[in-house]
Protein backbone atom coordinates (compact mmCIF):
# COMPACT_ATOMS: atom_id res chain seq x y z
CA UNK A 1 -38.21 -13.30 -7.02
CA UNK A 2 -35.42 -10.81 -7.76
CA UNK A 3 -33.52 -9.77 -4.46
CA UNK A 4 -33.59 -6.01 -5.64
CA UNK A 5 -37.06 -5.82 -5.67
CA UNK A 6 -37.51 -6.37 -2.05
CA UNK A 7 -37.82 -3.57 -0.15
CA UNK A 8 -34.17 -4.17 1.91
CA UNK A 9 -32.68 -5.29 -1.97
CA UNK A 10 -33.76 -1.50 -2.77
CA UNK A 11 -31.73 -0.16 0.33
CA UNK A 12 -28.87 -2.34 -0.40
CA UNK A 13 -29.07 -0.90 -4.43
CA UNK A 14 -28.89 2.45 -3.27
CA UNK A 15 -26.10 1.85 -0.88
CA UNK A 16 -24.08 -0.87 -2.35
CA UNK A 17 -20.92 -0.54 -4.16
CA UNK A 18 -22.46 -2.56 -7.16
CA UNK A 19 -25.58 -0.27 -6.84
CA UNK A 20 -26.30 0.77 -10.46
CA UNK A 21 -26.21 5.03 -10.83
CA UNK A 22 -26.16 7.59 -13.37
CA UNK A 23 -22.94 7.12 -15.43
CA UNK A 24 -20.59 9.69 -15.60
CA UNK A 25 -18.66 10.77 -19.07
CA UNK A 26 -15.38 8.67 -18.61
CA UNK A 27 -12.98 11.17 -17.44
CA UNK A 28 -15.28 12.78 -15.20
CA UNK A 29 -15.58 9.30 -13.42
CA UNK A 30 -11.78 8.90 -13.36
CA UNK A 31 -11.61 12.55 -12.43
CA UNK A 32 -14.20 11.87 -9.44
CA UNK A 33 -12.98 8.42 -8.40
CA UNK A 34 -9.31 9.38 -7.66
CA UNK A 35 -10.73 12.41 -5.65
CA UNK A 36 -12.52 10.57 -3.27
CA UNK A 37 -9.50 8.31 -2.49
CA UNK A 38 -6.72 11.12 -2.13
CA UNK A 39 -9.34 13.07 0.13
CA UNK A 40 -10.39 9.88 1.84
CA UNK A 41 -6.69 8.74 2.90
CA UNK A 42 -4.61 11.72 3.01
CA UNK A 43 -7.34 13.72 4.90
CA UNK A 44 -9.62 16.92 4.11
CA UNK A 45 -7.93 19.79 6.55
CA UNK A 46 -11.36 20.85 8.95
CA UNK A 47 -11.97 22.55 12.50
CA UNK A 48 -12.23 18.87 14.36
CA UNK A 49 -9.23 17.48 12.40
CA UNK A 50 -6.69 20.08 13.49
CA UNK A 51 -4.40 19.05 16.15
CA UNK A 52 -1.81 21.43 17.95
CA UNK A 53 1.88 21.16 17.72
CA UNK A 54 3.61 18.72 20.15
CA UNK A 55 4.66 20.05 23.12
CA UNK A 56 8.40 19.56 24.07
CA UNK A 57 8.50 16.05 25.29
CA UNK A 58 5.29 15.04 24.52
CA UNK A 59 4.03 11.76 22.61
CA UNK A 60 1.93 12.28 19.89
CA UNK A 61 0.25 9.73 17.79
CA UNK A 62 -1.23 10.19 13.82
CA UNK A 63 -5.08 9.44 15.00
CA UNK A 64 -6.66 13.00 15.01
CA UNK A 65 -10.12 12.25 17.16
CA UNK A 66 -12.72 14.73 16.72
CA UNK A 67 -13.30 17.23 20.82
CA UNK A 68 -16.52 15.30 21.41
CA UNK A 69 -15.27 12.13 20.85
CA UNK A 70 -16.65 9.79 23.86
CA UNK A 71 -13.71 7.43 25.08
CA UNK A 72 -14.88 3.61 24.64
CA UNK A 73 -12.77 1.25 26.88
CA UNK A 74 -11.20 -1.78 25.48
CA UNK A 75 -12.73 -5.01 25.60
CA UNK A 76 -11.34 -7.61 28.02
CA UNK A 77 -14.11 -9.89 27.69
CA UNK A 78 -15.58 -11.24 24.73
CA UNK A 79 -18.83 -12.31 26.70
CA UNK A 80 -19.54 -8.32 25.93
CA UNK A 81 -19.24 -8.89 22.44
CA UNK A 82 -22.62 -10.05 20.64
CA UNK A 83 -23.91 -9.89 16.64
CA UNK A 84 -26.49 -8.88 15.11
CA UNK A 85 -26.80 -11.96 12.70
CA UNK A 86 -27.39 -15.32 13.84
CA UNK A 87 -26.90 -17.61 10.98
CA UNK A 88 -27.67 -21.40 10.77
CA UNK A 89 -24.20 -22.11 10.00
CA UNK A 90 -22.19 -25.82 9.79
CA UNK A 91 -18.94 -26.04 10.86
CA UNK A 92 -16.28 -28.42 9.60
CA UNK A 93 -13.06 -28.23 11.31
CA UNK A 94 -9.89 -29.26 8.91
CA UNK A 95 -5.96 -29.00 8.56
CA UNK A 96 -4.58 -27.13 5.74
CA UNK A 97 -0.83 -27.85 5.13
CA UNK A 98 1.40 -25.83 2.96
CA UNK A 99 1.90 -26.78 -0.52
CA UNK A 100 4.87 -28.39 -2.01
CA UNK A 101 5.02 -25.93 -4.88
CA UNK A 102 5.20 -23.56 -2.10
CA UNK A 103 8.10 -24.95 -0.42
CA UNK A 104 10.21 -25.74 -3.97
CA UNK A 105 9.83 -21.45 -4.29
CA UNK A 106 10.76 -20.82 -1.08
CA UNK A 107 13.94 -23.09 -1.30
CA UNK A 108 14.73 -22.22 -4.96
CA UNK A 109 14.12 -18.62 -4.95
CA UNK A 110 15.35 -17.29 -1.50
CA UNK A 111 18.45 -16.57 -2.03
CA UNK A 112 17.88 -14.61 -5.18
CA UNK A 113 15.00 -12.85 -3.84
CA UNK A 114 14.82 -11.65 0.06
CA UNK A 115 11.25 -11.08 -0.17
CA UNK A 116 10.95 -14.65 -0.61
CA UNK A 117 11.17 -16.36 2.79
CA UNK A 118 14.02 -19.18 3.09
CA UNK A 119 12.39 -22.69 4.36
CA UNK A 120 13.59 -23.20 7.69
CA UNK A 121 13.20 -25.14 11.32
CA UNK A 122 13.95 -24.38 14.70
CA UNK A 123 16.43 -27.21 16.07
CA UNK A 124 18.23 -27.47 19.11
CA UNK A 125 22.18 -28.97 18.17
CA UNK A 126 21.76 -31.82 20.82
CA UNK A 127 22.08 -35.03 18.97
CA UNK A 128 19.09 -36.68 20.71
CA UNK A 129 16.66 -34.03 18.86
CA UNK A 130 19.04 -33.83 15.66
CA UNK A 131 17.92 -37.58 15.81
CA UNK A 132 14.20 -37.42 16.42
CA UNK A 133 13.80 -34.43 13.50
CA UNK A 134 15.83 -36.49 11.03
CA UNK A 135 13.90 -39.22 11.94
CA UNK A 136 10.38 -37.59 11.31
CA UNK A 137 11.20 -36.12 7.89
CA UNK A 138 13.54 -38.07 6.29
CA UNK A 139 12.82 -39.82 2.83
CA UNK A 140 13.47 -43.75 3.03
CA UNK A 141 17.04 -44.23 3.08
CA UNK A 142 17.97 -40.77 3.53
CA UNK A 143 18.32 -40.58 7.78
CA UNK A 144 21.50 -40.70 7.90
CA UNK A 145 22.15 -38.34 4.85
CA UNK A 146 19.92 -35.71 6.76
CA UNK A 147 21.73 -36.38 10.07
CA UNK A 148 24.80 -35.41 8.53
CA UNK A 149 23.37 -32.42 7.04
CA UNK A 150 22.00 -31.45 9.82
CA UNK A 151 25.49 -31.37 11.60
CA UNK A 152 26.98 -29.11 9.17
CA UNK A 153 24.20 -27.34 8.56
CA UNK A 154 24.03 -26.51 12.72
CA UNK A 155 27.20 -25.39 13.03
CA UNK A 156 27.27 -21.88 10.80
CA UNK A 157 22.89 -21.15 11.65
CA UNK A 158 21.54 -18.32 13.98
CA UNK A 159 20.15 -18.55 17.26
CA UNK A 160 16.82 -18.08 17.39
CA UNK A 161 16.61 -15.16 19.57
CA UNK A 162 19.92 -13.76 21.58
CA UNK A 163 21.41 -16.07 23.78
CA UNK A 164 19.25 -18.79 22.98
CA UNK A 165 20.74 -22.75 22.30
CA UNK A 166 17.72 -23.60 19.16
CA UNK A 167 19.06 -22.86 16.10
CA UNK A 168 17.73 -21.05 12.91
CA UNK A 169 18.18 -23.72 10.02
CA UNK A 170 18.00 -23.45 6.79
CA UNK A 171 16.66 -25.91 4.33
CA UNK A 172 18.61 -25.51 1.26
CA UNK A 173 18.88 -27.46 -2.37
CA UNK A 174 20.93 -30.06 -0.68
CA UNK A 175 18.83 -30.98 1.94
CA UNK A 176 15.11 -30.16 0.24
CA UNK A 177 15.63 -33.88 -1.91
CA UNK A 178 16.42 -36.02 1.61
CA UNK A 179 12.62 -34.56 3.49
CA UNK A 180 9.67 -35.49 2.59
CA UNK A 181 7.54 -32.23 2.08
CA UNK A 182 4.21 -33.33 3.52
CA UNK A 183 6.00 -34.36 6.77
CA UNK A 184 7.65 -31.25 6.74
CA UNK A 185 4.49 -29.40 5.98
CA UNK A 186 2.89 -30.81 8.81
CA UNK A 187 5.10 -29.14 11.37
CA UNK A 188 3.04 -26.05 9.84
CA UNK A 189 0.20 -27.30 9.76
CA UNK A 190 -2.78 -24.87 11.13
CA UNK A 191 -6.56 -25.46 11.75
CA UNK A 192 -9.24 -23.72 9.62
CA UNK A 193 -13.45 -23.78 9.89
CA UNK A 194 -14.78 -24.77 6.91
CA UNK A 195 -18.06 -23.44 7.14
CA UNK A 196 -21.36 -23.74 5.51
CA UNK A 197 -24.91 -21.55 5.61
CA UNK A 198 -27.76 -23.62 5.50
CA UNK A 199 -29.85 -21.30 2.94
CA UNK A 200 -33.16 -23.43 3.72
CA UNK A 201 -33.07 -22.43 7.53
CA UNK A 202 -32.01 -18.88 5.68
CA UNK A 203 -35.09 -19.13 3.95
CA UNK A 204 -37.28 -19.62 7.29
CA UNK A 205 -35.83 -16.34 8.25
CA UNK A 206 -36.44 -13.58 5.87
CA UNK A 207 -35.25 -10.47 8.48
CA UNK A 208 -31.76 -12.60 8.55
CA UNK A 209 -31.95 -12.81 4.99
CA UNK A 210 -31.93 -9.47 4.28
CA UNK A 211 -29.51 -8.32 6.86
CA UNK A 212 -26.89 -10.43 5.73
CA UNK A 213 -27.25 -9.20 2.06
CA UNK A 214 -27.26 -5.74 4.04
CA UNK A 215 -24.19 -6.43 5.72
CA UNK A 216 -22.24 -8.12 2.74
CA UNK A 217 -23.33 -5.68 0.15
CA UNK A 218 -19.99 -3.42 0.76
CA UNK A 219 -18.06 -5.70 0.46
CA UNK A 220 -19.22 -7.51 -2.95
CA UNK A 221 -19.45 -6.24 -6.47
CA UNK A 222 -23.31 -6.81 -8.20
CA UNK A 223 -22.68 -9.86 -9.25
CA UNK A 224 -21.86 -11.56 -6.80
CA UNK A 225 -24.39 -10.39 -4.51
CA UNK A 226 -26.59 -11.13 -7.28
CA UNK A 227 -25.48 -15.21 -7.07
CA UNK A 228 -25.42 -14.98 -3.39
CA UNK A 229 -28.84 -13.59 -3.35
CA UNK A 230 -30.12 -16.60 -6.10
CA UNK A 231 -28.53 -19.26 -4.04
CA UNK A 232 -30.55 -17.53 -0.78
CA UNK A 233 -33.75 -17.95 -2.70
CA UNK A 234 -33.57 -21.46 -4.26
CA UNK A 235 -32.23 -22.56 -0.81
CA UNK A 236 -28.80 -23.69 -2.27
CA UNK A 237 -26.22 -24.22 0.71
CA UNK A 238 -23.30 -21.38 0.58
CA UNK A 239 -19.96 -22.23 0.86
CA UNK A 240 -18.06 -19.50 2.92
CA UNK A 241 -14.65 -19.94 1.89
CA UNK A 242 -16.17 -19.97 -2.54
CA UNK A 243 -19.15 -17.39 -2.12
CA UNK A 244 -19.36 -15.40 1.12
CA UNK A 245 -16.06 -13.89 1.44
CA UNK A 246 -14.51 -10.98 -1.03
CA UNK A 247 -12.84 -11.32 -3.63
CA UNK A 248 -9.59 -10.99 -2.05
CA UNK A 249 -9.94 -13.42 0.93
CA UNK A 250 -11.95 -16.01 -1.03
CA UNK A 251 -8.41 -15.43 -3.35
CA UNK A 252 -6.13 -16.44 -0.35
CA UNK A 253 -8.19 -18.69 1.99
CA UNK A 254 -6.54 -21.67 3.08
CA UNK A 255 -3.17 -20.76 1.25
CA UNK A 256 0.30 -20.30 2.45
CA UNK A 257 2.41 -17.65 0.48
CA UNK A 258 6.14 -18.19 -0.40
CA UNK A 259 6.69 -14.16 0.44
CA UNK A 260 7.57 -12.62 3.94
CA UNK A 261 5.81 -9.18 4.78
CA UNK A 262 2.19 -9.92 3.79
CA UNK A 263 0.77 -10.07 7.60
CA UNK A 264 -2.37 -9.36 9.76
CA UNK A 265 -2.51 -5.77 9.37
CA UNK A 266 -2.21 -6.55 4.99
CA UNK A 267 -4.75 -9.24 5.33
CA UNK A 268 -7.71 -6.68 7.61
CA UNK A 269 -7.02 -3.66 4.64
CA UNK A 270 -7.21 -5.92 1.83
CA UNK A 271 -10.37 -7.71 2.92
CA UNK A 272 -12.23 -3.84 3.11
CA UNK A 273 -10.47 -3.08 -0.32
CA UNK A 274 -7.57 -3.67 -2.00
CA UNK A 275 -7.60 -0.25 -2.35
CA UNK A 276 -6.06 -0.16 1.15
CA UNK A 277 -3.37 -2.68 1.17
CA UNK A 278 -2.35 -1.22 -2.56
CA UNK A 279 -2.26 2.50 -2.47
CA UNK A 280 0.99 4.15 -1.93
CA UNK A 281 -1.00 6.78 0.33
CA UNK A 282 -1.29 4.00 3.12
CA UNK A 283 1.20 1.57 2.03
CA UNK A 284 3.91 4.51 2.34
CA UNK A 285 7.14 2.83 3.06
CA UNK A 286 8.80 -0.09 1.68
CA UNK A 287 10.33 -2.26 4.21
CA UNK A 288 13.85 -4.06 2.82
CA UNK A 289 14.12 -7.99 2.85
CA UNK A 290 10.03 -7.78 2.81
CA UNK A 291 7.04 -7.71 0.31
CA UNK A 292 5.76 -4.35 -0.62
CA UNK A 293 2.30 -5.79 0.34
CA UNK A 294 3.43 -5.29 3.93
CA UNK A 295 1.79 -2.83 5.79
CA UNK A 296 3.33 -1.28 9.26
CA UNK A 297 1.65 -0.51 12.68
CA UNK A 298 1.82 3.10 11.83
CA UNK A 299 0.00 2.68 8.47
CA UNK A 300 -2.38 0.46 9.66
CA UNK A 301 -3.41 2.89 12.57
CA UNK A 302 -3.18 5.77 9.71
CA UNK A 303 -5.67 4.71 7.69
CA UNK A 304 -8.08 3.33 10.52
CA UNK A 305 -8.41 6.91 11.70
CA UNK A 306 -8.93 8.53 8.15
CA UNK A 307 -11.65 5.48 7.16
CA UNK A 308 -12.94 3.68 9.74
CA UNK A 309 -14.97 4.56 12.72
CA UNK A 310 -14.89 3.03 16.29
CA UNK A 311 -18.17 0.87 17.22
CA UNK A 312 -18.70 0.25 21.05
CA UNK A 313 -19.44 -3.54 20.92
CA UNK A 314 -21.10 -3.20 24.39
CA UNK A 315 -23.68 -1.20 22.62
CA UNK A 316 -23.62 -2.11 19.09
CA UNK A 317 -23.64 -5.50 18.01
CA UNK A 318 -20.80 -6.50 15.95
CA UNK A 319 -21.26 -6.72 11.87
CA UNK A 320 -19.66 -8.73 9.00
CA UNK A 321 -16.54 -6.81 8.10
CA UNK A 322 -15.65 -5.19 11.27
CA UNK A 323 -11.68 -5.10 12.00
CA UNK A 324 -10.99 -6.38 15.11
CA UNK A 325 -7.62 -4.53 16.45
CA UNK A 326 -5.92 -6.21 19.70
CA UNK A 327 -3.36 -4.35 21.17
CA UNK A 328 -1.42 -4.27 24.57
CA UNK A 329 -2.76 -2.52 26.70
CA UNK A 330 -1.92 -0.18 30.04
CA UNK A 331 -3.66 0.15 33.05
CA UNK A 332 -5.76 3.32 33.78
CA UNK A 333 -9.52 4.91 33.50
CA UNK A 334 -8.65 6.23 29.88
CA UNK A 335 -6.40 3.64 28.43
CA UNK A 336 -8.85 3.24 25.54
CA UNK A 337 -8.69 7.02 24.81
CA UNK A 338 -7.78 6.53 20.91
CA UNK A 339 -5.56 10.09 21.43
CA UNK A 340 -3.40 8.17 23.88
CA UNK A 341 -3.06 5.01 22.03
CA UNK A 342 0.76 4.43 20.58
CA UNK A 343 0.28 2.34 17.61
CA UNK A 344 3.33 0.19 17.92
CA UNK A 345 1.19 -1.73 21.22
CA UNK A 346 -1.10 -2.81 18.24
CA UNK A 347 -0.08 -6.98 18.12
CA UNK A 348 -2.67 -7.97 16.06
CA UNK A 349 -5.83 -7.67 13.61
CA UNK A 350 -8.62 -9.52 12.41
CA UNK A 351 -11.75 -9.44 10.62
CA UNK A 352 -15.34 -10.32 12.16
CA UNK A 353 -17.37 -12.67 9.88
CA UNK A 354 -20.25 -14.22 12.01
CA UNK A 355 -21.32 -16.42 14.47
CA UNK A 356 -17.91 -16.11 16.49
CA UNK A 357 -15.95 -16.60 13.36
CA UNK A 358 -12.99 -14.34 11.86
CA UNK A 359 -10.61 -14.39 8.77
CA UNK A 360 -6.71 -13.22 9.62
CA UNK A 361 -3.53 -14.46 8.41
CA UNK A 362 -1.38 -15.25 11.72
CA UNK A 363 1.72 -12.92 10.86
CA UNK A 364 4.32 -11.67 8.57
CA UNK A 365 5.92 -15.30 8.02
CA UNK A 366 5.37 -17.19 5.17
CA UNK A 367 5.13 -20.43 7.71
CA UNK A 368 1.15 -19.10 8.47
CA UNK A 369 -1.90 -18.99 6.12
CA UNK A 370 -5.41 -17.08 5.63
CA UNK A 371 -7.71 -18.87 7.71
CA UNK A 372 -10.80 -18.74 9.44
CA UNK A 373 -10.79 -19.16 13.15
CA UNK A 374 -12.86 -18.44 16.02
CA UNK A 375 -12.51 -15.10 17.98
CA UNK A 376 -11.97 -17.55 21.16
CA UNK A 377 -9.28 -18.76 19.20
CA UNK A 378 -7.66 -15.37 18.20
CA UNK A 379 -8.02 -14.26 21.70
CA UNK A 380 -5.95 -17.29 23.37
CA UNK A 381 -3.08 -17.03 20.36
CA UNK A 382 -2.77 -13.16 21.44
CA UNK A 383 -3.03 -13.92 24.97
CA UNK A 384 0.06 -16.05 24.91
CA UNK A 385 1.80 -13.29 23.41
CA UNK A 386 0.93 -10.22 25.91
CA UNK A 387 0.43 -9.22 29.40
CA UNK A 388 -3.13 -7.77 29.26
CA UNK A 389 -4.76 -8.19 25.66
CA UNK A 390 -7.80 -6.10 24.52
CA UNK A 391 -9.81 -5.47 21.91
CA UNK A 392 -11.08 -2.48 19.70
CA UNK A 393 -13.72 -2.63 16.88
CA UNK A 394 -13.79 -0.40 13.87
CA UNK A 395 -15.71 -0.18 11.24
CA UNK A 396 -15.15 1.01 7.80
CA UNK A 397 -17.41 4.67 6.93
CA UNK A 398 -19.08 3.32 3.92
CA UNK A 399 -19.69 7.46 3.13
CA UNK A 400 -16.14 7.33 1.88
CA UNK A 401 -14.58 5.51 -0.98
CA UNK A 402 -17.72 4.82 -3.07
CA UNK A 403 -15.75 3.54 -6.38
CA UNK A 404 -12.80 2.55 -7.17
CA UNK A 405 -10.34 3.50 -10.05
CA UNK A 406 -11.12 2.05 -13.34
CA UNK A 407 -7.87 0.01 -13.53
CA UNK A 408 -5.50 -1.88 -10.96
CA UNK A 409 -2.52 0.38 -11.77
CA UNK A 410 -0.42 -2.33 -8.79
CA UNK A 411 -1.57 -6.06 -8.53
CA UNK A 412 1.33 -6.55 -6.34
CA UNK A 413 0.40 -10.50 -4.80
CA UNK A 414 -2.16 -12.00 -7.18
């Protein structure tokens, strides 16, 4: 049976992005697509969105809540966050590392292209540490050469932070042939969870299968949904990396990229739709020295306020595609009030998948890949960088931009 013939399939088709619908003339279709995009991103003036001018000395954010918007507190306890889907998932832990082609590109292109991040190491200038680093990285017969190179490079290398003894050493064309690429890549390896959905288990859970299709429908086109539904109906196991991630996430998962700039904000928005991260109405300001795809704190916070609504995980279960925004929080009874949040307190974003797993990129650095992690790992990582970590959950409004432009005018990254 085709998945669209089921009751839930019909409902998904009616609401999903890939739904069959009456065709407009090409000119009208383009007009309405652009109109919907602009009004959603820029916003249409309404009585509830009007804000008063700032008073002298008053700090303002670019969030425009409605007068009746309830304050949802930050979440500080992961046990209070539950999900609607309970899937038969098998997880295999893998260690992924930077490819030799990416390392070589960073060495060769970084001097000419400032958006390409140089291949760099943090090294203390003590002879013992230099020797240990050279022993770890050197090709057979090149240990002495690499020690000598480190000695020269350290003399002109900048400190990692002001006042730090450790230096940031750039691996150049002279040094790269002396090192074993796989050993260098191991210094920046990361853990990734390779997830597999047991489709036979899903066949025994019709309600769970229908709920999965309902939740993923806004993120996939009709062809992808057909393939997923066919796999579920036939009892074929589905790989999350290859089949249950939207196109952008699927194209970058496990990958390191050579550019500096594409960050966790860009990854979270692109998971929803490349329209968000590519639009000049969202990604407004190019940052010198960074790839054009980089999303800033204020840009993220503005589009979250325009195209998402907040979900209270204490009363509503998490769904596939929910955006998790991590903050450095402050004390106070109204610390969760969106109108009082300073976007500069945002520390990280990730996307909820299911069964406690997330999709994210660790930072704007080329040394961090796109991975599937656990929510517990995300929390533990960012707790080390904050005094009081809190998280909020935002869900994309599916009543906003429902159709993409007929042609992508800017394919920045891929």
